[in-house]
C-alpha cells in the first residue's frame, strides 16, 4: 500500500519535508493554460471539514513542464503522479502526451472538479483520448455525486484506465452570520471528516464492480481510517484535508495504522484488503 497526498492538499516545493513522508507525491491539477482560479474568499472551514473553491489555479502546462516538474524531481526522491485537468478531451490528451515518462510515475485524470465547468465529453471519452496519447498509468478521479458511480467506473475501465481515485470532493455551501455565502463562488468542494462514509461506500461499490486498483481518499484522518479504506477495497490511500492542520500526518498515520492492525488482528495491511467484502460475499453465496 502506498500513502499519497490528495491533489491540491500539499505543496511539495514549499513543504518538501512533509512530502518526503509519503510514498508518492501527487501534484496540483495542471491545465493547458495558466489559471488564476476563482475570486476570494475561496476557502471556508466548517464544523466537520472545509470547502474550497480554488478553481484549478495553476501555472499552466508549459511552466509546469519547464519549471515545476524539474524542481519536484530534484527536491523529492519520490515517484511523482501528475494530476491533469482540462475543458475537453483534446486538452487532457495533449497534456498527457507532453508528460515525460522518465519523470512521471502515473497520471491522475481530474474528471470531477466541482468548482469549474466540466468537459463536454464523458469520463470514458476523456480516458480513451488520454489512453491513446500516453503509456503512463492512468487513474481516473471520479465524483461521489454520480448517481451510479459504478457505471462510470466500468466505463473508464473499458476505455483504458489503469486505476481509480475515489473520491473527489462533493459540492457544498456554507453561510456566514449574516446568512450570506462565505465563498465568493457560493459553492465549493467539501472535504474532511464528513466525507469518509461517502468515500467508503463508493470504494466498496466500485471494488465490487471493477478489477481496477483504487486510491482511496476522503476524510482520512487516522491509521484506523486507512485500515477501513483498505478493508473496503482501496489498494492505496491518500491524505487530504488533514495535511493542512497536521504536517506530521503521514508519520502519525503510519504509527496509528500499526496499532489499528494489531487491534484488528492483522499482521500486514495487505491482509485486511477487502475484509469488509467477506460478509457480503457470504450472503451472496447463500442468496
Protein backbone atom coordinates (compact mmCIF):
# COMPACT_ATOMS: atom_id res chain seq x y z
CA UNK A 1 0.00 0.00 0.00
CA UNK A 2 1.21 3.47 -0.92
CA UNK A 3 0.43 6.51 1.20
CA UNK A 4 -0.07 9.57 -1.01
CA UNK A 5 -1.44 13.09 -0.74
CA UNK A 6 -4.70 14.15 -2.33
CA UNK A 7 -4.07 16.55 -5.21
CA UNK A 8 -4.05 20.18 -4.12
CA UNK A 9 -3.63 19.44 -0.40
CA UNK A 10 0.16 19.74 -0.26
CA UNK A 11 2.72 21.98 -1.96
CA UNK A 12 5.90 19.92 -2.06
CA UNK A 13 8.00 22.87 -3.19
CA UNK A 14 7.21 24.81 -0.01
CA UNK A 15 6.90 21.80 2.32
CA UNK A 16 9.31 19.17 0.97
CA UNK A 17 9.85 17.61 4.41
CA UNK A 18 6.15 16.79 4.62
CA UNK A 19 6.07 15.40 1.09
CA UNK A 20 9.04 13.14 1.80
CA UNK A 21 6.99 11.36 4.47
CA UNK A 22 4.79 9.99 1.66
CA UNK A 23 5.38 7.06 -0.70
CA UNK A 24 4.45 9.13 -3.76
CA UNK A 25 3.55 12.78 -4.38
CA UNK A 26 0.51 13.92 -6.37
CA UNK A 27 0.75 17.36 -7.97
CA UNK A 28 -1.91 20.03 -8.07
CA UNK A 29 -4.04 19.74 -11.20
CA UNK A 30 -2.31 21.02 -14.34
CA UNK A 31 -4.33 22.61 -17.15
CA UNK A 32 -3.08 23.65 -20.61
CA UNK A 33 -3.25 27.38 -19.88
CA UNK A 34 -2.39 29.21 -16.64
CA UNK A 35 -5.36 29.76 -14.33
CA UNK A 36 -5.68 32.30 -11.54
CA UNK A 37 -8.65 30.42 -10.10
CA UNK A 38 -11.83 31.78 -8.57
CA UNK A 39 -12.17 35.06 -6.70
CA UNK A 40 -11.53 35.06 -2.92
CA UNK A 41 -12.70 34.15 -0.42
CA UNK A 42 -12.34 30.62 -1.76
CA UNK A 43 -11.70 28.55 1.37
CA UNK A 44 -14.10 28.19 4.30
CA UNK A 45 -13.84 25.93 7.32
CA UNK A 46 -16.91 24.07 8.53
CA UNK A 47 -17.71 22.09 11.67
CA UNK A 48 -16.56 18.81 10.12
CA UNK A 49 -14.28 19.77 7.26
CA UNK A 50 -13.72 22.55 4.78
CA UNK A 51 -14.95 23.95 1.50
CA UNK A 52 -12.61 25.04 -1.26
CA UNK A 53 -13.43 26.86 -4.47
CA UNK A 54 -9.87 27.32 -5.69
CA UNK A 55 -10.89 26.74 -9.30
CA UNK A 56 -7.83 24.79 -10.51
CA UNK A 57 -5.39 27.69 -10.05
CA UNK A 58 -2.08 26.58 -11.58
CA UNK A 59 0.79 27.92 -13.71
CA UNK A 60 -0.28 26.05 -16.84
CA UNK A 61 1.26 23.16 -18.73
CA UNK A 62 4.26 24.95 -20.26
CA UNK A 63 5.56 26.35 -16.97
CA UNK A 64 4.80 23.15 -15.12
CA UNK A 65 6.89 21.14 -17.57
CA UNK A 66 9.76 23.62 -17.79
CA UNK A 67 9.98 24.62 -14.12
CA UNK A 68 7.73 22.87 -11.59
CA UNK A 69 8.28 19.28 -12.65
CA UNK A 70 12.10 19.57 -12.80
CA UNK A 71 12.09 21.23 -9.37
CA UNK A 72 9.91 18.48 -7.90
CA UNK A 73 12.15 15.82 -9.42
CA UNK A 74 15.24 17.49 -7.94
CA UNK A 75 13.75 18.07 -4.48
CA UNK A 76 11.81 14.84 -3.95
CA UNK A 77 13.16 11.34 -4.13
CA UNK A 78 9.64 10.05 -4.68
CA UNK A 79 7.51 8.82 -7.57
CA UNK A 80 5.56 11.80 -8.93
CA UNK A 81 1.95 11.49 -10.01
CA UNK A 82 0.66 14.38 -12.12
CA UNK A 83 -2.96 15.47 -11.81
CA UNK A 84 -4.24 16.52 -15.24
CA UNK A 85 -7.28 18.69 -15.94
CA UNK A 86 -8.84 20.35 -18.94
CA UNK A 87 -12.01 21.50 -20.63
CA UNK A 88 -12.08 19.00 -23.49
CA UNK A 89 -10.80 15.51 -24.19
CA UNK A 90 -8.22 17.02 -26.56
CA UNK A 91 -6.80 19.23 -23.79
CA UNK A 92 -6.49 16.30 -21.41
CA UNK A 93 -4.81 14.16 -24.06
CA UNK A 94 -2.35 16.87 -25.11
CA UNK A 95 -1.15 17.32 -21.54
CA UNK A 96 -0.81 13.56 -21.04
CA UNK A 97 1.22 13.29 -24.25
CA UNK A 98 3.57 16.05 -23.06
CA UNK A 99 4.44 14.39 -19.73
CA UNK A 100 7.86 12.70 -19.80
CA UNK A 101 7.89 9.00 -18.95
CA UNK A 102 11.19 9.29 -17.09
CA UNK A 103 9.92 11.93 -14.64
CA UNK A 104 6.28 10.88 -14.09
CA UNK A 105 5.16 7.67 -12.41
CA UNK A 106 1.42 7.99 -13.10
CA UNK A 107 -1.27 10.39 -14.25
CA UNK A 108 -4.41 11.19 -12.26
CA UNK A 109 -7.16 12.48 -14.54
CA UNK A 110 -9.20 15.05 -12.62
CA UNK A 111 -12.59 14.27 -14.15
CA UNK A 112 -14.74 15.68 -11.37
CA UNK A 113 -13.70 19.08 -10.03
CA UNK A 114 -16.86 20.71 -8.61
CA UNK A 115 -15.50 24.27 -8.97
CA UNK A 116 -15.13 24.59 -12.74
CA UNK A 117 -17.11 23.75 -15.85
CA UNK A 118 -16.68 20.15 -16.93
CA UNK A 119 -15.53 18.99 -20.35
CA UNK A 120 -18.43 18.19 -22.68
CA UNK A 121 -17.14 14.67 -23.27
CA UNK A 122 -17.90 11.79 -20.90
CA UNK A 123 -15.31 10.48 -18.47
CA UNK A 124 -14.85 7.42 -20.65
CA UNK A 125 -14.24 9.52 -23.77
CA UNK A 126 -11.59 11.55 -21.96
CA UNK A 127 -9.88 8.40 -20.68
CA UNK A 128 -9.90 6.88 -24.16
CA UNK A 129 -8.29 10.00 -25.64
CA UNK A 130 -5.62 10.01 -22.94
CA UNK A 131 -5.01 6.29 -23.34
CA UNK A 132 -4.19 6.87 -27.00
CA UNK A 133 -1.81 9.68 -26.03
CA UNK A 134 0.36 8.04 -23.35
CA UNK A 135 1.58 4.74 -22.00
CA UNK A 136 1.81 6.09 -18.45
CA UNK A 137 -0.63 4.58 -15.91
CA UNK A 138 -3.93 6.47 -15.86
CA UNK A 139 -6.01 6.83 -12.69
CA UNK A 140 -9.47 8.31 -13.21
CA UNK A 141 -10.58 10.56 -10.33
CA UNK A 142 -14.35 10.31 -10.02
CA UNK A 143 -17.01 12.30 -8.20
CA UNK A 144 -19.10 10.77 -5.41
CA UNK A 145 -22.04 12.81 -6.71
CA UNK A 146 -22.76 10.49 -9.66
CA UNK A 147 -25.99 8.61 -9.03
CA UNK A 148 -24.40 5.32 -10.08
CA UNK A 149 -20.65 5.83 -9.91
CA UNK A 150 -20.09 2.13 -10.59
CA UNK A 151 -21.32 2.61 -14.15
CA UNK A 152 -18.78 5.38 -14.63
CA UNK A 153 -16.09 3.14 -13.11
CA UNK A 154 -16.92 0.33 -15.53
CA UNK A 155 -16.90 2.76 -18.44
CA UNK A 156 -13.48 4.22 -17.67
CA UNK A 157 -12.10 0.71 -17.12
CA UNK A 158 -13.33 -0.28 -20.58
CA UNK A 159 -11.81 2.92 -22.01
CA UNK A 160 -8.34 2.02 -20.75
CA UNK A 161 -7.98 3.41 -17.21
CA UNK A 162 -5.40 1.61 -15.08
CA UNK A 163 -6.96 2.63 -11.78
CA UNK A 164 -9.48 4.81 -9.95
CA UNK A 165 -9.03 7.68 -7.49
CA UNK A 166 -12.03 7.73 -5.14
CA UNK A 167 -13.35 10.18 -4.24
CA UNK A 168 -13.12 13.80 -5.26
CA UNK A 169 -14.78 16.46 -3.12
CA UNK A 170 -18.55 16.92 -3.24
CA UNK A 171 -20.24 20.28 -3.82
CA UNK A 172 -21.39 22.17 -0.74
CA UNK A 173 -22.11 25.68 0.58
CA UNK A 174 -21.80 27.46 3.92
CA UNK A 175 -23.27 30.74 5.16
CA UNK A 176 -21.88 33.40 7.47
CA UNK A 177 -23.63 35.03 10.45
CA UNK A 178 -25.45 37.41 8.10
CA UNK A 179 -26.78 34.49 6.04
CA UNK A 180 -24.52 35.26 3.11
CA UNK A 181 -22.38 32.68 1.29
CA UNK A 182 -18.89 32.59 2.78
CA UNK A 183 -17.37 31.69 -0.59
CA UNK A 184 -17.31 34.19 -3.44
CA UNK A 185 -18.17 31.29 -5.74
CA UNK A 186 -21.08 30.38 -3.38
CA UNK A 187 -20.31 26.66 -3.59
CA UNK A 188 -17.09 24.72 -3.23
CA UNK A 189 -15.72 21.22 -2.90
CA UNK A 190 -16.45 19.75 0.53
CA UNK A 191 -13.71 17.66 2.12
CA UNK A 192 -12.79 16.44 5.56
CA UNK A 193 -14.13 14.03 8.15
CA UNK A 194 -17.74 14.06 6.97
CA UNK A 195 -16.70 12.82 3.52
CA UNK A 196 -15.37 9.49 4.86
CA UNK A 197 -18.63 7.46 4.92
CA UNK A 198 -19.38 8.60 1.37
CA UNK A 199 -15.90 7.64 0.20
CA UNK A 200 -16.10 4.22 1.85
CA UNK A 201 -19.44 3.50 0.16
CA UNK A 202 -18.11 4.48 -3.28
CA UNK A 203 -14.91 2.47 -2.87
CA UNK A 204 -16.85 -0.58 -1.69
CA UNK A 205 -19.23 -0.39 -4.66
CA UNK A 206 -16.53 0.24 -7.26
CA UNK A 207 -14.39 -2.61 -5.95
CA UNK A 208 -17.31 -4.97 -6.49
CA UNK A 209 -17.89 -3.55 -9.97
CA UNK A 210 -14.34 -3.47 -11.39
CA UNK A 211 -10.93 -5.08 -11.04
CA UNK A 212 -9.09 -1.75 -11.09
CA UNK A 213 -6.76 -0.74 -8.24
CA UNK A 214 -8.20 2.11 -6.20
CA UNK A 215 -6.57 5.08 -4.49
CA UNK A 216 -8.95 5.84 -1.64
CA UNK A 217 -9.35 9.34 -0.21
CA UNK A 218 -11.90 11.49 1.55
CA UNK A 219 -11.85 12.17 5.28
CA UNK A 220 -8.77 10.08 6.07
CA UNK A 221 -7.51 11.36 9.43
CA UNK A 222 -6.03 8.34 11.22
CA UNK A 223 -4.46 4.93 10.87
CA UNK A 224 -7.83 3.34 11.59
CA UNK A 225 -9.27 5.30 8.66
CA UNK A 226 -6.57 3.89 6.38
CA UNK A 227 -7.40 0.37 7.55
CA UNK A 228 -11.10 0.88 6.82
CA UNK A 229 -10.37 2.20 3.34
CA UNK A 230 -8.21 -0.85 2.61
CA UNK A 231 -10.91 -3.14 4.02
CA UNK A 232 -13.41 -1.61 1.59
CA UNK A 233 -11.10 -2.18 -1.38
CA UNK A 234 -8.55 0.63 -1.59
CA UNK A 235 -5.15 -0.51 -2.83
CA UNK A 236 -3.55 2.80 -1.85
CA UNK A 237 -4.73 5.66 0.40
CA UNK A 238 -4.31 9.45 0.14
CA UNK A 239 -4.33 12.07 2.88
CA UNK A 240 -6.11 15.33 2.14
CA UNK A 241 -7.55 17.96 4.47
CA UNK A 242 -5.65 16.63 7.48
CA UNK A 243 -2.39 17.80 5.89
CA UNK A 244 -3.47 21.44 6.30
CA UNK A 245 -3.63 21.14 10.10
CA UNK A 246 -1.05 18.44 10.77
CA UNK A 247 2.18 18.47 8.73
CA UNK A 248 3.26 15.32 10.58
CA UNK A 249 0.12 13.44 9.49
CA UNK A 250 1.85 10.86 7.24
CA UNK A 251 4.21 9.77 10.01
CA UNK A 252 1.46 9.81 12.63
CA UNK A 253 -0.98 7.87 10.45
CA UNK A 254 1.59 5.17 9.78
CA UNK A 255 2.17 4.74 13.51
CA UNK A 256 -1.57 4.62 14.16
CA UNK A 257 -2.01 2.10 11.36
CA UNK A 258 0.32 -0.33 13.11
CA UNK A 259 -1.81 -0.05 16.25
CA UNK A 260 -5.03 -0.43 14.25
CA UNK A 261 -3.71 -3.57 12.57
CA UNK A 262 -2.80 -5.11 15.92
CA UNK A 263 -6.24 -4.30 17.37
CA UNK A 264 -7.96 -5.81 14.32
CA UNK A 265 -5.79 -8.92 14.38
CA UNK A 266 -3.90 -8.37 11.12
CA UNK A 267 -0.17 -8.72 10.63
CA UNK A 268 0.07 -6.63 7.46
CA UNK A 269 -2.18 -4.01 5.92
CA UNK A 270 -2.48 -6.18 2.80
CA UNK A 271 -4.08 -8.89 4.94
CA UNK A 272 -7.03 -6.57 5.55
CA UNK A 273 -7.62 -5.90 1.85
CA UNK A 274 -11.35 -6.23 1.04
CA UNK A 275 -12.07 -7.65 4.51
CA UNK A 276 -15.35 -5.71 4.56
CA UNK A 277 -16.48 -7.63 1.48
CA UNK A 278 -16.30 -11.06 3.10
CA UNK A 279 -19.70 -10.99 4.89
CA UNK A 280 -21.34 -9.60 1.75
CA UNK A 281 -19.77 -12.34 -0.37
CA UNK A 282 -21.03 -14.91 2.10
CA UNK A 283 -24.56 -13.55 1.83
CA UNK A 284 -24.32 -13.53 -1.97
CA UNK A 285 -23.29 -17.20 -1.94
CA UNK A 286 -26.30 -18.13 0.15
CA UNK A 287 -28.79 -15.99 -1.75
